[in-house]
Amino acid sequence: MARTIIYTGKGGTGKTTCAAATALQCAKLGKKTLVLSSDPVQALADSFNLELGVDRPKEIRKDLFGLQIELEREIELHYGVVRNFLKRLFESRGIEQEVASEMVALPGFDELFSILKLGEFINDFDVIVLDTAPTGHTLRLLSFPQIFSMFSKYMLRLQRGIMRIFEPLRESAEQVTKTPIPDEIFFAEMEGLIQRINYMRELLTESTKSTVRIVTNLEKMPILESERALTFMNLYGLNVDALCVNKIIPEDISDPYFKKWKETQKEYMAQIETTFFPLKIFKIYLKREEVVGLDLLEQVANEMYGSKGDPTEIFTKEKPFTTDTDIDGNLVMTISLPFARKGETTIQKKGEELIIKIGEYKRILLLPKMAQTMKVGSARFEGTKLIITFIKP
């Protein structure tokens, strides 16, 4: 299975440049590497200044392949039946055709089907580098497995069972009610989609094979967004192993125009080195020209990794999510949440589920069997870690 490196960050910070440079460095080390993007803006081809493969990877240079995903084809292939059914359902309720078409295009589906495409190549390459959409889109994308798993568990199986019983009467019922009723093909496609989503979820949370790298700039807003991204990634069990600080003004720039900028950047760098510890920090300096093409990308790669550094190394190995038992037989769950605050974090146990909410973000965890009959005994922060203890009732 390929080593997967995911780049995310606020728009404009340089995610695509860092992803392209990382992929190039991996290829230089003789690792068969695929670089692809889940960003609908499709800036990856512009970064290499080359045409990439459409639907199938295209060789950029020895051991380096690029892919520009044909999103509409992927959506039609894996979601077409469901989309068409929902569109007909909305139209049957009096919704205009154009509005119905917009309603079935769920937010984040472009990114979702891009990332699902990655799974097709997971065993064909040594390394896959994924350039994601801006942070907000990526965080929304990561919630899809949770949403679809809940739908599968509570709704899909029940509805499919009912529909099988009444399948002989489906067409007659549609004529009487003037409402489309899902058939077996609809349910088969939904189940296939859910299986693919859950498969990718498992791949992306495998901390020995998949890691996330956040790209930021030395400015207030990108740093704050990076803090939120790190908290959310840890909440969802993704291993963030590095922070890439891009567009640092070089020390040899002595123009007085940049004096205040350099002072501000120095303050933010000191802040980052403290608050994001123990993450590996890559420093990438502002270039004299736009980073486009293999030669300039190689300069960035050398700056990040050196001439022989290996980007596939896992630079921070601390697991964001662990469970253990204490001496009393209680289950102890530990989640690394460095930027979460006590007042904005809530925990609720409902049967076999644990609901953790941090500000606007929420995750629903299916608890281990051992914890399903237990109750939450305590929840506390110790430094940057949220520690939840489950005790027997």
Protein backbone atom coordinates (compact mmCIF):
# COMPACT_ATOMS: atom_id res chain seq x y z
CA MET A 1 0.00 0.00 0.00
CA ALA A 2 1.28 3.47 -0.92
CA ARG A 3 2.61 5.95 1.60
CA THR A 4 0.07 8.82 1.44
CA ILE A 5 0.92 12.45 2.23
CA ILE A 6 -1.94 14.95 2.34
CA TYR A 7 -1.39 18.71 2.09
CA THR A 8 -3.97 21.15 3.42
CA GLY A 9 -4.13 24.75 4.56
CA LYS A 10 -5.76 28.10 3.97
CA GLY A 11 -6.18 29.08 0.33
CA GLY A 12 -3.15 30.91 -1.07
CA THR A 13 -0.62 29.63 1.47
CA GLY A 14 1.19 27.44 -1.06
CA LYS A 15 -0.33 23.97 -0.58
CA THR A 16 0.03 23.06 -4.23
CA THR A 17 3.67 24.18 -4.38
CA CYS A 18 4.57 22.12 -1.29
CA ALA A 19 2.68 19.08 -2.59
CA ALA A 20 4.32 19.28 -6.03
CA ALA A 21 7.80 19.78 -4.53
CA THR A 22 7.29 16.83 -2.18
CA ALA A 23 6.19 14.56 -5.02
CA LEU A 24 9.20 15.63 -7.10
CA GLN A 25 11.60 14.86 -4.24
CA CYS A 26 10.07 11.39 -3.77
CA ALA A 27 10.52 10.66 -7.47
CA LYS A 28 14.16 11.83 -7.35
CA LEU A 29 14.74 9.20 -4.64
CA GLY A 30 13.47 6.48 -6.99
CA LYS A 31 10.01 6.10 -5.45
CA LYS A 32 7.19 5.68 -7.96
CA THR A 33 5.04 8.69 -7.05
CA LEU A 34 1.56 9.93 -7.97
CA VAL A 35 0.53 13.51 -7.25
CA LEU A 36 -3.13 14.50 -7.59
CA SER A 37 -5.47 17.19 -6.36
CA SER A 38 -8.93 17.30 -4.76
CA ASP A 39 -9.08 21.07 -5.33
CA PRO A 40 -11.64 21.96 -8.02
CA VAL A 41 -9.45 24.97 -8.94
CA GLN A 42 -7.00 22.45 -10.47
CA ALA A 43 -3.79 24.44 -9.89
CA LEU A 44 -1.55 21.38 -9.87
CA ALA A 45 -1.02 21.35 -13.64
CA ASP A 46 -0.21 25.07 -13.50
CA SER A 47 2.41 24.44 -10.81
CA PHE A 48 4.24 21.90 -12.99
CA ASN A 49 3.52 24.00 -16.10
CA LEU A 50 2.59 20.75 -17.80
CA GLU A 51 -0.56 18.93 -18.84
CA LEU A 52 -1.44 16.13 -16.44
CA GLY A 53 -3.28 12.91 -17.16
CA VAL A 54 -7.07 13.03 -17.23
CA ASP A 55 -8.66 10.05 -15.48
CA ARG A 56 -5.39 8.08 -15.75
CA PRO A 57 -1.96 9.18 -14.42
CA LYS A 58 0.48 10.74 -16.92
CA GLU A 59 4.26 10.58 -16.54
CA ILE A 60 5.81 13.97 -15.72
CA ARG A 61 9.36 12.66 -15.41
CA LYS A 62 11.00 9.42 -14.32
CA ASP A 63 9.02 7.94 -11.38
CA LEU A 64 6.67 10.94 -11.18
CA PHE A 65 3.07 10.85 -12.42
CA GLY A 66 0.32 13.46 -12.26
CA LEU A 67 -3.45 13.16 -12.42
CA GLN A 68 -6.12 15.74 -13.13
CA ILE A 69 -9.38 14.09 -12.11
CA GLU A 70 -12.40 14.41 -14.41
CA LEU A 71 -14.85 15.11 -11.60
CA GLU A 72 -18.11 15.05 -13.55
CA ARG A 73 -17.28 11.61 -14.93
CA GLU A 74 -16.45 10.28 -11.45
CA ILE A 75 -19.65 11.69 -9.98
CA GLU A 76 -21.78 10.28 -12.79
CA LEU A 77 -20.09 6.88 -12.55
CA HIS A 78 -20.49 6.42 -8.79
CA TYR A 79 -23.40 8.71 -7.89
CA GLY A 80 -25.37 9.08 -11.12
CA VAL A 81 -28.27 6.76 -10.22
CA VAL A 82 -28.68 8.32 -6.77
CA ARG A 83 -28.40 11.85 -8.16
CA ASN A 84 -30.97 11.23 -10.88
CA PHE A 85 -33.41 9.65 -8.42
CA LEU A 86 -33.11 12.54 -5.96
CA LYS A 87 -33.55 15.02 -8.79
CA ARG A 88 -36.77 13.28 -9.91
CA LEU A 89 -37.96 13.17 -6.29
CA PHE A 90 -37.49 16.91 -5.82
CA GLU A 91 -39.15 17.67 -9.14
CA SER A 92 -42.15 15.50 -8.17
CA ARG A 93 -42.60 17.75 -5.16
CA GLY A 94 -42.95 20.83 -7.39
CA ILE A 95 -39.35 22.03 -7.26
CA GLU A 96 -38.11 23.57 -10.50
CA GLN A 97 -35.70 21.49 -12.57
CA GLU A 98 -32.77 23.91 -12.25
CA VAL A 99 -33.23 24.20 -8.47
CA ALA A 100 -33.53 20.41 -8.12
CA SER A 101 -30.24 19.97 -10.01
CA GLU A 102 -28.52 22.30 -7.56
CA MET A 103 -30.03 20.56 -4.53
CA VAL A 104 -28.59 17.15 -5.46
CA ALA A 105 -25.09 18.63 -5.85
CA LEU A 106 -24.19 18.29 -2.17
CA PRO A 107 -21.49 20.66 -0.86
CA GLY A 108 -18.07 19.01 -0.84
CA PHE A 109 -18.88 16.28 -3.37
CA ASP A 110 -16.22 17.53 -5.79
CA GLU A 111 -13.57 16.98 -3.13
CA LEU A 112 -15.15 13.72 -1.99
CA PHE A 113 -14.98 12.03 -5.39
CA SER A 114 -11.47 13.34 -5.95
CA ILE A 115 -10.25 11.70 -2.78
CA LEU A 116 -12.11 8.48 -3.57
CA LYS A 117 -10.18 8.32 -6.84
CA LEU A 118 -7.00 8.00 -4.78
CA GLY A 119 -8.13 4.56 -3.61
CA GLU A 120 -7.92 3.19 -7.16
CA PHE A 121 -4.15 3.68 -7.21
CA ILE A 122 -3.22 2.87 -3.62
CA ASN A 123 -1.45 -0.37 -4.63
CA ASP A 124 0.09 0.92 -7.88
CA PHE A 125 2.50 3.48 -6.43
CA ASP A 126 5.07 3.78 -3.64
CA VAL A 127 3.91 7.27 -2.71
CA ILE A 128 0.71 9.26 -3.31
CA VAL A 129 0.75 13.01 -2.61
CA LEU A 130 -2.69 14.63 -2.35
CA ASP A 131 -3.12 18.38 -2.75
CA THR A 132 -6.46 19.20 -1.11
CA ALA A 133 -8.85 22.10 -1.40
CA PRO A 134 -8.61 24.95 1.14
CA THR A 135 -8.97 23.85 4.76
CA GLY A 136 -12.72 24.43 5.12
CA HIS A 137 -13.51 22.11 2.20
CA THR A 138 -11.11 19.47 3.54
CA LEU A 139 -12.64 19.50 7.03
CA ARG A 140 -16.12 19.15 5.54
CA LEU A 141 -14.89 16.29 3.38
CA LEU A 142 -13.61 14.38 6.43
CA SER A 143 -17.08 14.41 7.97
CA PHE A 144 -18.60 12.50 5.02
CA PRO A 145 -17.66 9.02 6.32
CA GLN A 146 -19.37 9.79 9.63
CA ILE A 147 -22.52 11.14 7.94
CA PHE A 148 -22.82 8.25 5.49
CA SER A 149 -22.05 5.62 8.12
CA MET A 150 -24.88 6.93 10.28
CA PHE A 151 -27.22 6.97 7.27
CA SER A 152 -26.20 3.41 6.43
CA LYS A 153 -26.72 2.18 9.97
CA TYR A 154 -30.06 3.76 10.79
CA MET A 155 -31.81 4.27 7.46
CA LEU A 156 -30.43 2.46 4.45
CA ARG A 157 -30.78 -1.13 5.68
CA LEU A 158 -34.30 -0.59 7.00
CA GLN A 159 -35.52 1.17 3.88
CA ARG A 160 -33.91 -1.37 1.57
CA GLY A 161 -35.64 -4.22 3.44
CA ILE A 162 -39.01 -2.53 3.13
CA MET A 163 -38.49 -1.78 -0.57
CA ARG A 164 -37.62 -5.43 -1.30
CA ILE A 165 -40.94 -6.53 0.20
CA PHE A 166 -42.92 -4.04 -1.89
CA GLU A 167 -40.78 -4.20 -5.07
CA PRO A 168 -43.57 -5.90 -7.13
CA LEU A 169 -45.84 -2.95 -6.33
CA ARG A 170 -43.24 -0.21 -6.83
CA GLU A 171 -44.32 0.95 -10.31
CA SER A 172 -48.00 0.99 -9.35
CA ALA A 173 -47.20 2.92 -6.18
CA GLU A 174 -45.23 5.49 -8.19
CA GLN A 175 -48.22 6.03 -10.51
CA VAL A 176 -50.65 6.44 -7.60
CA THR A 177 -48.45 8.70 -5.45
CA LYS A 178 -46.77 10.48 -8.40
CA THR A 179 -43.56 10.10 -6.41
CA PRO A 180 -40.48 8.10 -7.51
CA ILE A 181 -39.60 5.17 -5.24
CA PRO A 182 -36.00 3.89 -5.00
CA ASP A 183 -35.22 0.55 -6.62
CA GLU A 184 -32.50 -2.05 -6.01
CA ILE A 185 -30.04 -0.23 -8.30
CA PHE A 186 -30.38 2.90 -6.15
CA PHE A 187 -29.61 1.01 -2.94
CA ALA A 188 -26.73 -0.89 -4.54
CA GLU A 189 -25.09 2.36 -5.63
CA MET A 190 -25.59 3.94 -2.22
CA GLU A 191 -24.03 0.93 -0.48
CA GLY A 192 -21.13 0.93 -2.93
CA LEU A 193 -20.52 4.62 -2.29
CA ILE A 194 -20.62 4.15 1.47
CA GLN A 195 -18.18 1.23 1.26
CA ARG A 196 -15.73 3.29 -0.80
CA ILE A 197 -15.98 6.21 1.63
CA ASN A 198 -15.36 4.01 4.66
CA TYR A 199 -12.46 2.27 2.89
CA MET A 200 -10.79 5.63 2.22
CA ARG A 201 -11.48 6.68 5.80
CA GLU A 202 -9.58 3.63 7.04
CA LEU A 203 -6.68 4.34 4.67
CA LEU A 204 -6.37 7.99 5.66
CA THR A 205 -6.41 7.24 9.40
CA GLU A 206 -3.71 4.54 9.14
CA SER A 207 -1.00 6.54 10.93
CA THR A 208 1.89 4.35 9.72
CA LYS A 209 0.97 4.98 6.08
CA SER A 210 -0.94 8.27 5.89
CA THR A 211 -0.07 11.67 7.35
CA VAL A 212 -1.28 15.23 6.94
CA ARG A 213 0.95 18.29 6.49
CA ILE A 214 -0.50 21.74 7.08
CA VAL A 215 0.79 24.68 5.04
CA THR A 216 0.67 28.15 6.57
CA ASN A 217 2.10 31.66 6.25
CA LEU A 218 3.45 33.94 8.95
CA GLU A 219 0.21 35.90 9.24
CA LYS A 220 -2.57 35.88 11.82
CA MET A 221 -5.40 34.32 9.78
CA PRO A 222 -3.46 31.42 8.23
CA ILE A 223 -2.00 30.54 11.65
CA LEU A 224 -5.43 30.56 13.31
CA GLU A 225 -6.82 28.36 10.54
CA SER A 226 -3.86 26.00 10.95
CA GLU A 227 -4.65 25.72 14.66
CA ARG A 228 -8.26 24.81 13.88
CA ALA A 229 -7.15 22.33 11.22
CA LEU A 230 -4.75 20.57 13.62
CA THR A 231 -7.47 20.27 16.27
CA PHE A 232 -9.97 18.89 13.78
CA MET A 233 -7.50 16.44 12.20
CA ASN A 234 -6.61 15.06 15.62
CA LEU A 235 -10.29 14.79 16.54
CA TYR A 236 -10.83 12.63 13.44
CA GLY A 237 -7.75 10.51 14.11
CA LEU A 238 -5.54 11.79 11.27
CA ASN A 239 -1.85 12.02 12.04
CA VAL A 240 -0.47 15.52 11.35
CA ASP A 241 3.30 15.05 11.19
CA ALA A 242 4.56 18.43 9.95
CA LEU A 243 3.81 22.12 9.49
CA CYS A 244 5.13 23.89 6.38
CA VAL A 245 5.73 27.61 6.89
CA ASN A 246 5.81 29.20 3.44
CA LYS A 247 6.75 32.64 2.04
CA ILE A 248 9.23 33.61 4.76
CA ILE A 249 11.07 36.81 3.84
CA PRO A 250 14.81 35.96 3.60
CA GLU A 251 17.20 37.52 6.11
CA ASP A 252 19.33 39.07 3.37
CA ILE A 253 16.43 41.30 2.28
CA SER A 254 17.48 44.67 3.74
CA ASP A 255 14.98 46.96 2.00
CA PRO A 256 13.36 49.15 4.73
CA TYR A 257 9.97 48.49 3.10
CA PHE A 258 10.08 44.94 4.50
CA LYS A 259 11.37 45.86 7.98
CA LYS A 260 7.98 45.68 9.73
CA TRP A 261 7.03 42.52 7.81
CA LYS A 262 10.26 40.81 8.93
CA GLU A 263 9.70 41.79 12.56
CA THR A 264 6.12 40.50 12.46
CA GLN A 265 7.18 37.25 10.80
CA LYS A 266 9.85 36.71 13.44
CA GLU A 267 7.25 37.06 16.20
CA TYR A 268 4.85 34.65 14.49
CA MET A 269 7.64 32.11 13.90
CA ALA A 270 8.51 32.12 17.61
CA GLN A 271 4.81 31.62 18.39
CA ILE A 272 4.54 28.71 15.94
CA GLU A 273 7.64 26.95 17.24
CA THR A 274 6.12 27.00 20.73
CA THR A 275 2.43 26.31 20.09
CA PHE A 276 2.84 23.65 17.38
CA PHE A 277 5.54 21.70 19.20
CA PRO A 278 6.41 18.79 18.69
CA LEU A 279 5.49 19.03 15.00
CA LYS A 280 8.30 19.09 12.47
CA ILE A 281 8.47 22.58 10.93
CA PHE A 282 9.60 23.09 7.34
CA LYS A 283 10.65 26.63 6.45
CA ILE A 284 10.22 27.76 2.85
CA TYR A 285 11.48 31.21 1.91
CA LEU A 286 9.83 33.69 -0.45
CA LYS A 287 11.25 33.28 -3.95
CA ARG A 288 12.22 36.03 -6.38
CA GLU A 289 9.64 34.74 -8.86
CA GLU A 290 6.51 32.62 -8.99
CA VAL A 291 7.25 28.94 -8.37
CA VAL A 292 6.23 27.33 -11.66
CA GLY A 293 7.97 24.44 -13.42
CA LEU A 294 10.23 21.58 -12.38
CA ASP A 295 13.40 23.65 -11.82
CA LEU A 296 11.84 26.01 -9.28
CA LEU A 297 9.91 23.18 -7.64
CA GLU A 298 13.22 21.36 -7.19
CA GLN A 299 14.58 24.42 -5.37
CA VAL A 300 11.64 24.26 -2.96
CA ALA A 301 12.13 20.52 -2.49
CA ASN A 302 15.82 21.04 -1.64
CA GLU A 303 14.86 23.76 0.82
CA MET A 304 12.36 21.49 2.54
CA TYR A 305 14.24 18.18 2.54
CA GLY A 306 17.81 18.76 1.40
CA SER A 307 19.17 16.95 -1.63
CA LYS A 308 18.71 13.47 -0.14
CA GLY A 309 16.04 13.94 2.52
CA ASP A 310 13.12 11.52 2.38
CA PRO A 311 9.65 13.14 2.42
CA THR A 312 8.03 9.78 3.23
CA GLU A 313 9.55 9.80 6.71
CA ILE A 314 6.91 10.20 9.40
CA PHE A 315 8.29 13.22 11.23
CA THR A 316 5.96 13.21 14.22
CA LYS A 317 4.91 9.78 15.43
CA GLU A 318 2.63 10.69 18.33
CA LYS A 319 -0.78 9.11 17.79
CA PRO A 320 -3.59 11.66 18.04
CA PHE A 321 -6.06 9.11 19.40
CA THR A 322 -5.43 6.23 21.84
CA THR A 323 -7.43 3.97 24.17
CA ASP A 324 -6.15 2.01 27.16
CA THR A 325 -7.28 0.58 30.49
CA ASP A 326 -6.16 1.74 33.92
CA ILE A 327 -5.38 -0.38 36.99
CA ASP A 328 -9.07 -0.36 38.00
CA GLY A 329 -10.21 -1.76 34.65
CA ASN A 330 -11.65 1.54 33.45
CA LEU A 331 -11.33 2.48 29.79
CA VAL A 332 -9.24 5.62 29.23
CA MET A 333 -9.52 7.47 25.92
CA THR A 334 -6.87 10.12 25.13
CA ILE A 335 -7.20 12.63 22.28
CA SER A 336 -4.53 15.20 21.47
CA LEU A 337 -6.35 18.51 20.97
CA PRO A 338 -3.70 21.23 21.30
CA PHE A 339 -5.90 24.22 20.52
CA ALA A 340 -9.19 23.10 22.03
CA ARG A 341 -10.42 24.98 25.09
CA LYS A 342 -12.23 23.61 28.09
CA GLY A 343 -15.19 25.96 27.79
CA GLU A 344 -15.89 25.15 24.13
CA THR A 345 -15.59 21.35 24.39
CA THR A 346 -18.61 19.19 25.23
CA ILE A 347 -18.92 15.41 25.57
CA GLN A 348 -22.08 13.32 25.53
CA LYS A 349 -22.54 9.54 25.56
CA LYS A 350 -25.63 8.08 23.87
CA GLY A 351 -25.74 4.31 24.03
CA GLU A 352 -22.85 3.00 21.93
CA GLU A 353 -21.89 6.45 20.66
CA LEU A 354 -19.72 9.23 22.09
CA ILE A 355 -20.39 12.72 20.76
CA ILE A 356 -17.49 15.18 21.02
CA LYS A 357 -18.14 18.77 20.03
CA ILE A 358 -15.44 21.45 19.84
CA GLY A 359 -16.87 24.79 18.84
CA GLU A 360 -18.50 24.26 15.42
CA TYR A 361 -16.91 20.84 14.87
CA LYS A 362 -18.47 17.57 15.97
CA ARG A 363 -17.50 13.94 15.77
CA ILE A 364 -19.63 10.91 16.64
CA LEU A 365 -17.52 7.95 17.75
CA LEU A 366 -18.71 4.36 17.84
CA LEU A 367 -17.35 3.15 21.16
CA PRO A 368 -15.56 -0.18 21.68
CA LYS A 369 -17.86 -2.92 23.00
CA MET A 370 -16.16 -2.67 26.37
CA ALA A 371 -17.24 0.99 26.75
CA GLN A 372 -20.79 0.65 25.44
CA THR A 373 -22.11 -0.51 28.81
CA MET A 374 -19.98 2.00 30.74
CA LYS A 375 -20.68 5.61 31.60
CA VAL A 376 -18.42 8.66 31.39
CA GLY A 377 -16.76 8.92 34.77
CA SER A 378 -14.66 11.98 34.06
CA ALA A 379 -13.34 14.17 31.26
CA ARG A 380 -10.47 16.55 31.75
CA PHE A 381 -7.71 18.36 29.91
CA GLU A 382 -4.13 17.60 30.85
CA GLY A 383 -2.07 20.07 28.87
CA THR A 384 -3.06 19.59 25.23
CA LYS A 385 -4.73 16.21 25.76
CA LEU A 386 -8.39 15.48 26.43
CA ILE A 387 -8.64 12.44 28.71
CA ILE A 388 -12.01 10.70 29.00
CA THR A 389 -12.45 7.89 31.55
CA PHE A 390 -15.28 5.36 31.21
CA ILE A 391 -16.34 3.50 34.37
CA LYS A 392 -18.71 0.66 35.07
CA PRO A 393 -22.20 1.81 36.11
